[in-house]
Amino acid sequence: MSTLPGQREGLLAGRIVVVTAAAGVGIGAATARRALEEGATVAVSDRHEGRLAATAEELADLGTVLAVPCDVTRQAEVDRLLDTVEGELGPVDVMVNNAGLGGSATLDTMTDDDWFKVLDVSLNGTFRCTRAALRRMQPRGRGSIVNLASVTGWRAEAGQAHYAAAKAGVMALTRCAAVEAAPHGVRVNAVAPTLALHAFIEKVTEPEVIARWVNEQPQGRPAEPREVADVIVFLASDMASYMTGEVLSVGAQHA
């Protein structure tokens, strides 16, 4: 698996890859870039249309990129995303469900809206996209789905009950979907990053919180989004052909 910018091994040559929440500079955009570097045709999606268009333009020099706006909290938009991709590019080979929403609130101060908003994007959105992808992949007898979980799904952290519950749910969803999809030739896996720092997280998180998170990493630094994207590409590729229902921690520890 390549970890050097610009180095290509063709791990996803000829594949059509969809990445949700791919606008900007986070894991989604890094995954789209890595997939293109590995020979894929890529569809990027996000609810932020302006940032999505800018991201697609930035990636266009690497290969074919289709931008399709989508809000994963709406099943009709998820279905339209996949219908558009399959109509313009062809059958989807890889679905990367990266869309997620965080926040911070202690359980005694958390509102119903706080709870449901995080769950609807991070867990229900992953469910909607996984279901839509399975309905298209299973009749063809092939496909790979990679979901974004989080180390928080394993590890307790104050103020993260809604996010932790959502990401633990993504892990369970991944394992159950994998068992159901395996007889149809479709693999379903997940990655669980620790801390992958990028501009958006820095914008919405207090500097002292980021400093604490970084200090907790055994490596003494956060992961780069590209380092998480490398693992996603691995799981999506034939190098992981016998892996399904797995949740890979991208870091040094998960408990």
C-alpha atoms as a PDB file:
ATOM      1  CA  MET A   1       0.000   0.000   0.000  1.00  0.00           C
ATOM      2  CA  SER A   2       1.385   3.351  -1.038  1.00  0.00           C
ATOM      3  CA  THR A   3       1.993   6.041   1.562  1.00  0.00           C
ATOM      4  CA  LEU A   4       4.011   8.404  -0.610  1.00  0.00           C
ATOM      5  CA  PRO A   5       2.202  11.304  -2.312  1.00  0.00           C
ATOM      6  CA  GLY A   6       1.855  10.648  -6.021  1.00  0.00           C
ATOM      7  CA  GLN A   7       3.025   7.018  -5.839  1.00  0.00           C
ATOM      8  CA  ARG A   8       0.540   4.678  -7.527  1.00  0.00           C
ATOM      9  CA  GLU A   9       0.104   0.920  -7.371  1.00  0.00           C
ATOM     10  CA  GLY A  10      -3.261   0.596  -9.099  1.00  0.00           C
ATOM     11  CA  LEU A  11      -5.019  -0.930  -6.091  1.00  0.00           C
ATOM     12  CA  LEU A  12      -8.374   0.439  -7.276  1.00  0.00           C
ATOM     13  CA  ALA A  13      -7.742   0.480 -11.016  1.00  0.00           C
ATOM     14  CA  GLY A  14     -10.991   0.400 -12.964  1.00  0.00           C
ATOM     15  CA  ARG A  15     -13.160   0.725  -9.830  1.00  0.00           C
ATOM     16  CA  ILE A  16     -15.918   3.274  -9.290  1.00  0.00           C
ATOM     17  CA  VAL A  17     -15.678   4.691  -5.769  1.00  0.00           C
ATOM     18  CA  VAL A  18     -18.186   6.879  -3.911  1.00  0.00           C
ATOM     19  CA  VAL A  19     -17.030   8.916  -0.900  1.00  0.00           C
ATOM     20  CA  THR A  20     -19.517  10.799   1.268  1.00  0.00           C
ATOM     21  CA  ALA A  21     -18.612  13.951   3.234  1.00  0.00           C
ATOM     22  CA  ALA A  22     -15.682  14.452   0.876  1.00  0.00           C
ATOM     23  CA  ALA A  23     -15.623  18.254   0.714  1.00  0.00           C
ATOM     24  CA  GLY A  24     -12.762  20.138   2.316  1.00  0.00           C
ATOM     25  CA  VAL A  25      -9.510  18.806   3.732  1.00  0.00           C
ATOM     26  CA  GLY A  26     -10.536  15.930   5.997  1.00  0.00           C
ATOM     27  CA  ILE A  27     -10.550  12.144   5.724  1.00  0.00           C
ATOM     28  CA  GLY A  28     -13.171  12.121   2.960  1.00  0.00           C
ATOM     29  CA  ALA A  29     -11.200  14.364   0.619  1.00  0.00           C
ATOM     30  CA  ALA A  30      -7.988  12.474   1.410  1.00  0.00           C
ATOM     31  CA  THR A  31      -9.731   9.179   0.609  1.00  0.00           C
ATOM     32  CA  ALA A  32     -11.014  10.513  -2.703  1.00  0.00           C
ATOM     33  CA  ARG A  33      -7.480  11.631  -3.581  1.00  0.00           C
ATOM     34  CA  ARG A  34      -5.947   8.278  -2.644  1.00  0.00           C
ATOM     35  CA  ALA A  35      -8.590   6.394  -4.621  1.00  0.00           C
ATOM     36  CA  LEU A  36      -7.817   8.507  -7.692  1.00  0.00           C
ATOM     37  CA  GLU A  37      -4.094   7.911  -7.203  1.00  0.00           C
ATOM     38  CA  GLU A  38      -4.836   4.185  -7.163  1.00  0.00           C
ATOM     39  CA  GLY A  39      -6.641   4.328 -10.497  1.00  0.00           C
ATOM     40  CA  ALA A  40     -10.288   4.677  -9.469  1.00  0.00           C
ATOM     41  CA  THR A  41     -13.014   6.818 -10.961  1.00  0.00           C
ATOM     42  CA  VAL A  42     -14.411   8.756  -8.016  1.00  0.00           C
ATOM     43  CA  ALA A  43     -17.723  10.353  -7.077  1.00  0.00           C
ATOM     44  CA  VAL A  44     -17.506  12.783  -4.162  1.00  0.00           C
ATOM     45  CA  SER A  45     -20.526  13.870  -2.176  1.00  0.00           C
ATOM     46  CA  ASP A  46     -21.284  16.356   0.580  1.00  0.00           C
ATOM     47  CA  ARG A  47     -24.155  18.544   1.765  1.00  0.00           C
ATOM     48  CA  HIS A  48     -21.974  21.670   1.372  1.00  0.00           C
ATOM     49  CA  GLU A  49     -22.257  22.276  -2.361  1.00  0.00           C
ATOM     50  CA  GLY A  50     -19.712  25.104  -2.616  1.00  0.00           C
ATOM     51  CA  ARG A  51     -16.961  23.229  -0.804  1.00  0.00           C
ATOM     52  CA  LEU A  52     -17.861  20.082  -2.728  1.00  0.00           C
ATOM     53  CA  ALA A  53     -17.416  21.795  -6.086  1.00  0.00           C
ATOM     54  CA  ALA A  54     -14.081  23.254  -4.964  1.00  0.00           C
ATOM     55  CA  THR A  55     -12.865  19.836  -3.799  1.00  0.00           C
ATOM     56  CA  ALA A  56     -13.869  18.184  -7.079  1.00  0.00           C
ATOM     57  CA  GLU A  57     -12.008  20.873  -8.999  1.00  0.00           C
ATOM     58  CA  GLU A  58      -8.883  20.362  -6.888  1.00  0.00           C
ATOM     59  CA  LEU A  59      -8.955  16.614  -7.519  1.00  0.00           C
ATOM     60  CA  ALA A  60      -9.764  16.772 -11.233  1.00  0.00           C
ATOM     61  CA  ASP A  61      -6.102  16.723 -12.295  1.00  0.00           C
ATOM     62  CA  LEU A  62      -5.802  13.191 -10.873  1.00  0.00           C
ATOM     63  CA  GLY A  63      -8.609  11.580 -12.876  1.00  0.00           C
ATOM     64  CA  THR A  64     -12.354  11.509 -13.377  1.00  0.00           C
ATOM     65  CA  VAL A  65     -14.276  13.116 -10.509  1.00  0.00           C
ATOM     66  CA  LEU A  66     -18.055  13.478 -10.298  1.00  0.00           C
ATOM     67  CA  ALA A  67     -19.521  15.777  -7.623  1.00  0.00           C
ATOM     68  CA  VAL A  68     -23.042  14.995  -6.369  1.00  0.00           C
ATOM     69  CA  PRO A  69     -24.529  16.939  -3.417  1.00  0.00           C
ATOM     70  CA  CYS A  70     -26.198  14.725  -0.823  1.00  0.00           C
ATOM     71  CA  ASP A  71     -27.601  15.006   2.688  1.00  0.00           C
ATOM     72  CA  VAL A  72     -27.287  11.539   4.240  1.00  0.00           C
ATOM     73  CA  THR A  73     -30.154  12.251   6.641  1.00  0.00           C
ATOM     74  CA  ARG A  74     -32.531  12.028   3.662  1.00  0.00           C
ATOM     75  CA  GLN A  75     -32.991   8.615   2.050  1.00  0.00           C
ATOM     76  CA  ALA A  76     -34.250  10.163  -1.201  1.00  0.00           C
ATOM     77  CA  GLU A  77     -30.974  12.074  -1.563  1.00  0.00           C
ATOM     78  CA  VAL A  78     -28.902   8.970  -0.809  1.00  0.00           C
ATOM     79  CA  ASP A  79     -30.786   7.045  -3.493  1.00  0.00           C
ATOM     80  CA  ARG A  80     -30.380   9.942  -5.922  1.00  0.00           C
ATOM     81  CA  LEU A  81     -26.634   9.990  -5.231  1.00  0.00           C
ATOM     82  CA  LEU A  82     -26.176   6.353  -6.178  1.00  0.00           C
ATOM     83  CA  ASP A  83     -28.591   6.526  -9.101  1.00  0.00           C
ATOM     84  CA  THR A  84     -26.689   9.537 -10.472  1.00  0.00           C
ATOM     85  CA  VAL A  85     -23.307   7.860 -10.076  1.00  0.00           C
ATOM     86  CA  GLU A  86     -24.461   4.634 -11.697  1.00  0.00           C
ATOM     87  CA  GLY A  87     -26.184   6.549 -14.499  1.00  0.00           C
ATOM     88  CA  GLU A  88     -23.125   8.671 -15.316  1.00  0.00           C
ATOM     89  CA  LEU A  89     -20.181   6.460 -14.356  1.00  0.00           C
ATOM     90  CA  GLY A  90     -21.443   2.893 -14.025  1.00  0.00           C
ATOM     91  CA  PRO A  91     -22.006   0.376 -11.194  1.00  0.00           C
ATOM     92  CA  VAL A  92     -20.512   1.395  -7.850  1.00  0.00           C
ATOM     93  CA  ASP A  93     -17.697  -0.920  -6.713  1.00  0.00           C
ATOM     94  CA  VAL A  94     -16.746   0.832  -3.463  1.00  0.00           C
ATOM     95  CA  MET A  95     -18.866   2.870  -1.054  1.00  0.00           C
ATOM     96  CA  VAL A  96     -17.008   4.863   1.621  1.00  0.00           C
ATOM     97  CA  ASN A  97     -19.425   6.129   4.276  1.00  0.00           C
ATOM     98  CA  ASN A  98     -17.480   8.987   5.789  1.00  0.00           C
ATOM     99  CA  ALA A  99     -20.308  11.356   6.752  1.00  0.00           C
ATOM    100  CA  GLY A 100     -20.406  12.045  10.479  1.00  0.00           C
ATOM    101  CA  LEU A 101     -21.229  14.740  12.997  1.00  0.00           C
ATOM    102  CA  GLY A 102     -19.709  15.340  16.403  1.00  0.00           C
ATOM    103  CA  GLY A 103     -20.248  17.691  19.308  1.00  0.00           C
ATOM    104  CA  SER A 104     -19.525  17.990  22.996  1.00  0.00           C
ATOM    105  CA  ALA A 105     -22.008  17.966  25.864  1.00  0.00           C
ATOM    106  CA  THR A 106     -22.252  16.141  29.146  1.00  0.00           C
ATOM    107  CA  LEU A 107     -25.187  13.758  29.328  1.00  0.00           C
ATOM    108  CA  ASP A 108     -27.027  15.795  31.999  1.00  0.00           C
ATOM    109  CA  THR A 109     -26.954  18.910  29.780  1.00  0.00           C
ATOM    110  CA  MET A 110     -27.460  17.159  26.424  1.00  0.00           C
ATOM    111  CA  THR A 111     -30.773  17.928  24.718  1.00  0.00           C
ATOM    112  CA  ASP A 112     -32.827  15.503  22.655  1.00  0.00           C
ATOM    113  CA  ASP A 113     -31.904  17.588  19.609  1.00  0.00           C
ATOM    114  CA  ASP A 114     -28.168  17.288  20.411  1.00  0.00           C
ATOM    115  CA  TRP A 115     -28.522  13.513  20.680  1.00  0.00           C
ATOM    116  CA  PHE A 116     -30.685  12.884  17.636  1.00  0.00           C
ATOM    117  CA  LYS A 117     -28.747  15.231  15.350  1.00  0.00           C
ATOM    118  CA  VAL A 118     -25.467  13.348  15.928  1.00  0.00           C
ATOM    119  CA  LEU A 119     -27.129   9.923  15.701  1.00  0.00           C
ATOM    120  CA  ASP A 120     -29.020  10.818  12.519  1.00  0.00           C
ATOM    121  CA  VAL A 121     -25.883  11.784  10.596  1.00  0.00           C
ATOM    122  CA  SER A 122     -23.260   9.471  12.074  1.00  0.00           C
ATOM    123  CA  LEU A 123     -25.276   6.258  12.551  1.00  0.00           C
ATOM    124  CA  ASN A 124     -28.526   6.569  10.603  1.00  0.00           C
ATOM    125  CA  GLY A 125     -26.720   8.163   7.665  1.00  0.00           C
ATOM    126  CA  THR A 126     -24.294   5.250   7.557  1.00  0.00           C
ATOM    127  CA  PHE A 127     -27.247   2.848   7.705  1.00  0.00           C
ATOM    128  CA  ARG A 128     -29.019   4.604   4.827  1.00  0.00           C
ATOM    129  CA  CYS A 129     -25.922   4.618   2.625  1.00  0.00           C
ATOM    130  CA  THR A 130     -24.980   1.032   3.466  1.00  0.00           C
ATOM    131  CA  ARG A 131     -28.510  -0.185   2.718  1.00  0.00           C
ATOM    132  CA  ALA A 132     -28.614   1.674  -0.598  1.00  0.00           C
ATOM    133  CA  ALA A 133     -25.211   0.312  -1.612  1.00  0.00           C
ATOM    134  CA  LEU A 134     -26.106  -3.271  -0.655  1.00  0.00           C
ATOM    135  CA  ARG A 135     -29.294  -3.148  -2.710  1.00  0.00           C
ATOM    136  CA  ARG A 136     -27.185  -2.355  -5.757  1.00  0.00           C
ATOM    137  CA  MET A 137     -24.072  -4.438  -5.047  1.00  0.00           C
ATOM    138  CA  GLN A 138     -25.601  -7.717  -3.869  1.00  0.00           C
ATOM    139  CA  PRO A 139     -27.454  -8.562  -7.107  1.00  0.00           C
ATOM    140  CA  ARG A 140     -24.157  -8.044  -8.977  1.00  0.00           C
ATOM    141  CA  GLY A 141     -22.272 -10.332  -6.576  1.00  0.00           C
ATOM    142  CA  ARG A 142     -19.467  -7.890  -5.788  1.00  0.00           C
ATOM    143  CA  GLY A 143     -18.642  -4.714  -3.927  1.00  0.00           C
ATOM    144  CA  SER A 144     -16.861  -3.261  -0.911  1.00  0.00           C
ATOM    145  CA  ILE A 145     -18.249  -0.908   1.724  1.00  0.00           C
ATOM    146  CA  VAL A 146     -16.015   0.918   4.203  1.00  0.00           C
ATOM    147  CA  ASN A 147     -17.615   2.751   7.123  1.00  0.00           C
ATOM    148  CA  LEU A 148     -16.040   5.391   9.340  1.00  0.00           C
ATOM    149  CA  ALA A 149     -16.235   4.493  13.008  1.00  0.00           C
ATOM    150  CA  SER A 150     -14.056   6.037  15.730  1.00  0.00           C
ATOM    151  CA  VAL A 151     -11.879   4.999  18.610  1.00  0.00           C
ATOM    152  CA  THR A 152     -14.534   6.733  20.729  1.00  0.00           C
ATOM    153  CA  GLY A 153     -16.805   3.783  19.986  1.00  0.00           C
ATOM    154  CA  TRP A 154     -14.471   1.711  22.177  1.00  0.00           C
ATOM    155  CA  ARG A 155     -13.082   4.262  24.614  1.00  0.00           C
ATOM    156  CA  ALA A 156     -15.076   6.312  27.116  1.00  0.00           C
ATOM    157  CA  GLU A 157     -14.687  10.074  26.854  1.00  0.00           C
ATOM    158  CA  ALA A 158     -16.570  12.735  28.801  1.00  0.00           C
ATOM    159  CA  GLY A 159     -18.891  14.856  26.710  1.00  0.00           C
ATOM    160  CA  GLN A 160     -19.024  12.340  23.857  1.00  0.00           C
ATOM    161  CA  ALA A 161     -21.951  10.056  24.777  1.00  0.00           C
ATOM    162  CA  HIS A 162     -23.903  10.786  21.580  1.00  0.00           C
ATOM    163  CA  TYR A 163     -20.884  10.483  19.280  1.00  0.00           C
ATOM    164  CA  ALA A 164     -19.568   7.395  21.074  1.00  0.00           C
ATOM    165  CA  ALA A 165     -22.981   5.702  20.895  1.00  0.00           C
ATOM    166  CA  ALA A 166     -23.233   6.518  17.179  1.00  0.00           C
ATOM    167  CA  LYS A 167     -19.784   5.187  16.362  1.00  0.00           C
ATOM    168  CA  ALA A 168     -20.233   2.043  18.469  1.00  0.00           C
ATOM    169  CA  GLY A 169     -23.430   1.576  16.487  1.00  0.00           C
ATOM    170  CA  VAL A 170     -21.491   1.918  13.230  1.00  0.00           C
ATOM    171  CA  MET A 171     -19.201  -0.886  14.399  1.00  0.00           C
ATOM    172  CA  ALA A 172     -22.148  -3.185  15.175  1.00  0.00           C
ATOM    173  CA  LEU A 173     -23.891  -2.231  11.931  1.00  0.00           C
ATOM    174  CA  THR A 174     -20.713  -3.047  10.009  1.00  0.00           C
ATOM    175  CA  ARG A 175     -20.383  -6.510  11.555  1.00  0.00           C
ATOM    176  CA  CYS A 176     -24.044  -7.445  11.026  1.00  0.00           C
ATOM    177  CA  ALA A 177     -24.121  -6.112   7.468  1.00  0.00           C
ATOM    178  CA  ALA A 178     -20.936  -8.047   6.688  1.00  0.00           C
ATOM    179  CA  VAL A 179     -22.476 -11.361   7.771  1.00  0.00           C
ATOM    180  CA  GLU A 180     -25.570 -10.728   5.673  1.00  0.00           C
ATOM    181  CA  ALA A 181     -23.651  -9.515   2.600  1.00  0.00           C
ATOM    182  CA  ALA A 182     -20.899 -12.147   2.525  1.00  0.00           C
ATOM    183  CA  PRO A 183     -22.966 -14.813   0.682  1.00  0.00           C
ATOM    184  CA  HIS A 184     -23.555 -12.208  -2.035  1.00  0.00           C
ATOM    185  CA  GLY A 185     -19.864 -11.437  -2.567  1.00  0.00           C
ATOM    186  CA  VAL A 186     -19.955  -8.032  -0.849  1.00  0.00           C
ATOM    187  CA  ARG A 187     -17.532  -7.060   1.921  1.00  0.00           C
ATOM    188  CA  VAL A 188     -18.307  -4.535   4.698  1.00  0.00           C
ATOM    189  CA  ASN A 189     -15.558  -3.204   6.958  1.00  0.00           C
ATOM    190  CA  ALA A 190     -14.836  -0.115   9.040  1.00  0.00           C
ATOM    191  CA  VAL A 191     -11.932   2.002  10.218  1.00  0.00           C
ATOM    192  CA  ALA A 192     -11.756   3.575  13.666  1.00  0.00           C
ATOM    193  CA  PRO A 193      -9.346   6.526  13.657  1.00  0.00           C
ATOM    194  CA  THR A 194      -8.004   8.048  16.837  1.00  0.00           C
ATOM    195  CA  LEU A 195      -7.211  11.704  16.068  1.00  0.00           C
ATOM    196  CA  ALA A 196      -6.878  12.843  12.460  1.00  0.00           C
ATOM    197  CA  LEU A 197      -6.330  16.582  12.655  1.00  0.00           C
ATOM    198  CA  HIS A 198      -7.397  18.966   9.904  1.00  0.00           C
ATOM    199  CA  ALA A 199      -8.534  22.563   9.493  1.00  0.00           C
ATOM    200  CA  PHE A 200     -12.221  21.965  10.235  1.00  0.00           C
ATOM    201  CA  ILE A 201     -11.541  20.249  13.576  1.00  0.00           C
ATOM    202  CA  GLU A 202      -9.152  23.047  14.528  1.00  0.00           C
ATOM    203  CA  LYS A 203     -11.842  25.613  13.652  1.00  0.00           C
ATOM    204  CA  VAL A 204     -14.554  24.115  15.883  1.00  0.00           C
ATOM    205  CA  THR A 205     -12.428  22.785  18.770  1.00  0.00           C
ATOM    206  CA  GLU A 206     -10.738  24.702  21.572  1.00  0.00           C
ATOM    207  CA  PRO A 207      -6.904  24.718  21.316  1.00  0.00           C
ATOM    208  CA  GLU A 208      -6.508  23.264  24.817  1.00  0.00           C
ATOM    209  CA  VAL A 209      -8.764  20.326  23.903  1.00  0.00           C
ATOM    210  CA  ILE A 210      -6.728  19.617  20.774  1.00  0.00           C
ATOM    211  CA  ALA A 211      -3.526  19.849  22.818  1.00  0.00           C
ATOM    212  CA  ARG A 212      -4.916  17.263  25.270  1.00  0.00           C
ATOM    213  CA  TRP A 213      -5.924  14.947  22.434  1.00  0.00           C
ATOM    214  CA  VAL A 214      -2.505  15.205  20.818  1.00  0.00           C
ATOM    215  CA  ASN A 215      -0.791  14.561  24.153  1.00  0.00           C
ATOM    216  CA  GLU A 216      -2.777  11.318  24.514  1.00  0.00           C
ATOM    217  CA  GLN A 217      -1.385   9.896  21.266  1.00  0.00           C
ATOM    218  CA  PRO A 218       1.569   7.526  21.814  1.00  0.00           C
ATOM    219  CA  GLN A 219       3.124   8.848  18.591  1.00  0.00           C
ATOM    220  CA  GLY A 220       3.125  12.356  20.023  1.00  0.00           C
ATOM    221  CA  ARG A 221       1.191  13.718  17.042  1.00  0.00           C
ATOM    222  CA  PRO A 222      -2.204  13.356  15.379  1.00  0.00           C
ATOM    223  CA  ALA A 223      -2.692  11.254  12.273  1.00  0.00           C
ATOM    224  CA  GLU A 224      -2.779  12.976   8.925  1.00  0.00           C
ATOM    225  CA  PRO A 225      -6.050  12.392   7.027  1.00  0.00           C
ATOM    226  CA  ARG A 226      -4.019  10.658   4.320  1.00  0.00           C
ATOM    227  CA  GLU A 227      -2.819   8.055   6.819  1.00  0.00           C
ATOM    228  CA  VAL A 228      -6.425   7.091   7.552  1.00  0.00           C
ATOM    229  CA  ALA A 229      -7.232   7.167   3.836  1.00  0.00           C
ATOM    230  CA  ASP A 230      -4.444   4.637   3.188  1.00  0.00           C
ATOM    231  CA  VAL A 231      -6.224   2.122   5.437  1.00  0.00           C
ATOM    232  CA  ILE A 232      -9.572   2.815   3.774  1.00  0.00           C
ATOM    233  CA  VAL A 233      -8.028   2.167   0.350  1.00  0.00           C
ATOM    234  CA  PHE A 234      -6.532  -1.076   1.652  1.00  0.00           C
ATOM    235  CA  LEU A 235      -9.909  -2.303   2.925  1.00  0.00           C
ATOM    236  CA  ALA A 236     -11.594  -1.304  -0.334  1.00  0.00           C
ATOM    237  CA  SER A 237      -9.028  -3.121  -2.465  1.00  0.00           C
ATOM    238  CA  ASP A 238      -8.480  -6.790  -3.293  1.00  0.00           C
ATOM    239  CA  MET A 239      -5.585  -6.795  -0.819  1.00  0.00           C
ATOM    240  CA  ALA A 240      -8.304  -7.195   1.825  1.00  0.00           C
ATOM    241  CA  SER A 241     -10.329  -9.712  -0.198  1.00  0.00           C
ATOM    242  CA  TYR A 242     -10.817 -12.100   2.765  1.00  0.00           C
ATOM    243  CA  MET A 243     -11.603  -9.379   5.316  1.00  0.00           C
ATOM    244  CA  THR A 244     -15.190  -8.554   6.194  1.00  0.00           C
ATOM    245  CA  GLY A 245     -16.897  -7.410   9.382  1.00  0.00           C
ATOM    246  CA  GLU A 246     -13.607  -6.003  10.666  1.00  0.00           C
ATOM    247  CA  VAL A 247     -13.081  -2.692  12.437  1.00  0.00           C
ATOM    248  CA  LEU A 248      -9.472  -1.551  12.074  1.00  0.00           C
ATOM    249  CA  SER A 249      -8.083   0.900  14.604  1.00  0.00           C
ATOM    250  CA  VAL A 250      -5.916   3.551  12.923  1.00  0.00           C
ATOM    251  CA  GLY A 251      -3.615   4.365  15.788  1.00  0.00           C
ATOM    252  CA  ALA A 252      -1.568   2.683  18.461  1.00  0.00           C
ATOM    253  CA  GLN A 253      -4.360   1.639  20.812  1.00  0.00           C
ATOM    254  CA  HIS A 254      -8.127   1.660  21.118  1.00  0.00           C
ATOM    255  CA  ALA A 255      -8.866   1.205  24.803  1.00  0.00           C
END
